[in-house]
């Protein structure tokens, strides 16, 4: 494990950045892996619903919220594939002397 961060931050990859953890964090990185997720139409609809349904009560009626959500979902393209990369980090507490 690295004990100092890389000098040139512009060229650091995610894995290199995560491989170095400040000792004050109290963690030691055991493994990292980048995994990919393909977004589905149902997930897009769920994400679109968050700002629509988060409006304060009374700002929009339920029917208005559903109409907005229906219109927003209709504008998505089912054939568009969105791939999201997730960095998974496995770490454990540093052993203290």
Protein backbone atom coordinates (compact mmCIF):
# COMPACT_ATOMS: atom_id res chain seq x y z
CA UNK A 1 0.00 0.00 0.00
CA UNK A 2 1.26 3.48 -0.82
CA UNK A 3 2.14 5.73 2.08
CA UNK A 4 2.17 8.99 0.11
CA UNK A 5 -0.21 10.23 -2.58
CA UNK A 6 1.00 10.39 -6.20
CA UNK A 7 2.72 13.71 -7.02
CA UNK A 8 0.79 14.47 -10.22
CA UNK A 9 -2.90 14.41 -9.37
CA UNK A 10 -3.95 15.04 -13.00
CA UNK A 11 -2.75 11.61 -14.12
CA UNK A 12 -4.11 9.55 -11.22
CA UNK A 13 -6.57 6.81 -11.98
CA UNK A 14 -9.38 5.98 -9.57
CA UNK A 15 -7.66 2.76 -8.51
CA UNK A 16 -4.41 4.56 -7.72
CA UNK A 17 -6.21 7.23 -5.70
CA UNK A 18 -8.09 4.61 -3.69
CA UNK A 19 -4.99 2.47 -3.16
CA UNK A 20 -3.64 5.30 -1.03
CA UNK A 21 -5.64 6.01 2.10
CA UNK A 22 -4.44 8.58 4.64
CA UNK A 23 -3.30 6.80 7.81
CA UNK A 24 -5.62 9.03 9.83
CA UNK A 25 -8.59 7.31 8.15
CA UNK A 26 -7.73 4.18 10.09
CA UNK A 27 -8.36 1.89 7.11
CA UNK A 28 -6.25 -0.38 4.96
CA UNK A 29 -7.47 -1.11 1.42
CA UNK A 30 -7.64 -4.86 0.82
CA UNK A 31 -9.03 -4.88 -2.73
CA UNK A 32 -10.66 -2.67 -5.33
CA UNK A 33 -12.72 -3.61 -8.35
CA UNK A 34 -14.60 -1.62 -10.95
CA UNK A 35 -17.92 -3.17 -11.90
CA UNK A 36 -20.38 -2.01 -14.55
CA UNK A 37 -24.15 -1.76 -14.39
CA UNK A 38 -26.43 -1.48 -17.42
CA UNK A 39 -29.36 0.83 -16.69
CA UNK A 40 -32.86 -0.42 -17.45
CA UNK A 41 -35.95 1.58 -18.43
CA UNK A 42 -37.45 0.83 -15.00
CA UNK A 43 -34.38 2.30 -13.28
CA UNK A 44 -34.58 5.44 -15.42
CA UNK A 45 -38.22 5.87 -14.43
CA UNK A 46 -37.31 5.41 -10.76
CA UNK A 47 -34.54 8.04 -10.93
CA UNK A 48 -36.82 10.45 -12.77
CA UNK A 49 -39.46 10.07 -10.07
CA UNK A 50 -37.21 11.39 -7.29
CA UNK A 51 -37.29 15.12 -8.16
CA UNK A 52 -40.91 14.93 -9.29
CA UNK A 53 -42.20 13.24 -6.15
CA UNK A 54 -39.92 15.23 -3.82
CA UNK A 55 -41.88 18.46 -4.39
CA UNK A 56 -43.37 19.74 -1.19
CA UNK A 57 -46.97 18.84 -0.50
CA UNK A 58 -49.38 21.24 -2.16
CA UNK A 59 -46.93 22.46 -4.79
CA UNK A 60 -48.29 19.98 -7.33
CA UNK A 61 -51.22 17.62 -7.16
CA UNK A 62 -50.67 13.86 -7.41
CA UNK A 63 -52.16 13.95 -10.91
CA UNK A 64 -49.76 16.71 -11.97
CA UNK A 65 -46.79 14.79 -10.59
CA UNK A 66 -47.83 11.64 -12.45
CA UNK A 67 -48.32 13.60 -15.68
CA UNK A 68 -44.83 15.10 -15.37
CA UNK A 69 -43.34 11.69 -14.63
CA UNK A 70 -45.17 10.10 -17.57
CA UNK A 71 -43.89 12.83 -19.92
CA UNK A 72 -40.32 12.56 -18.62
CA UNK A 73 -40.32 8.77 -18.93
CA UNK A 74 -41.73 9.01 -22.47
CA UNK A 75 -38.75 11.16 -23.46
CA UNK A 76 -36.26 8.45 -22.51
CA UNK A 77 -35.12 6.09 -25.22
CA UNK A 78 -35.47 2.42 -24.29
CA UNK A 79 -32.72 1.45 -26.73
CA UNK A 80 -30.18 3.80 -25.15
CA UNK A 81 -27.84 1.81 -22.99
CA UNK A 82 -26.36 3.62 -20.03
CA UNK A 83 -23.40 1.92 -18.43
CA UNK A 84 -22.41 3.13 -14.99
CA UNK A 85 -19.07 2.14 -13.52
CA UNK A 86 -18.99 1.58 -9.77
CA UNK A 87 -15.80 1.34 -7.75
CA UNK A 88 -16.10 -1.30 -5.03
CA UNK A 89 -13.63 -0.96 -2.17
CA UNK A 90 -12.89 -3.60 0.45
CA UNK A 91 -11.07 -2.21 3.48
CA UNK A 92 -10.38 -3.21 7.03
CA UNK A 93 -9.36 -1.28 10.12
CA UNK A 94 -5.65 -0.76 10.59
CA UNK A 95 -4.17 -2.88 13.31
CA UNK A 96 -2.96 -0.75 16.17
CA UNK A 97 0.25 -1.62 17.98
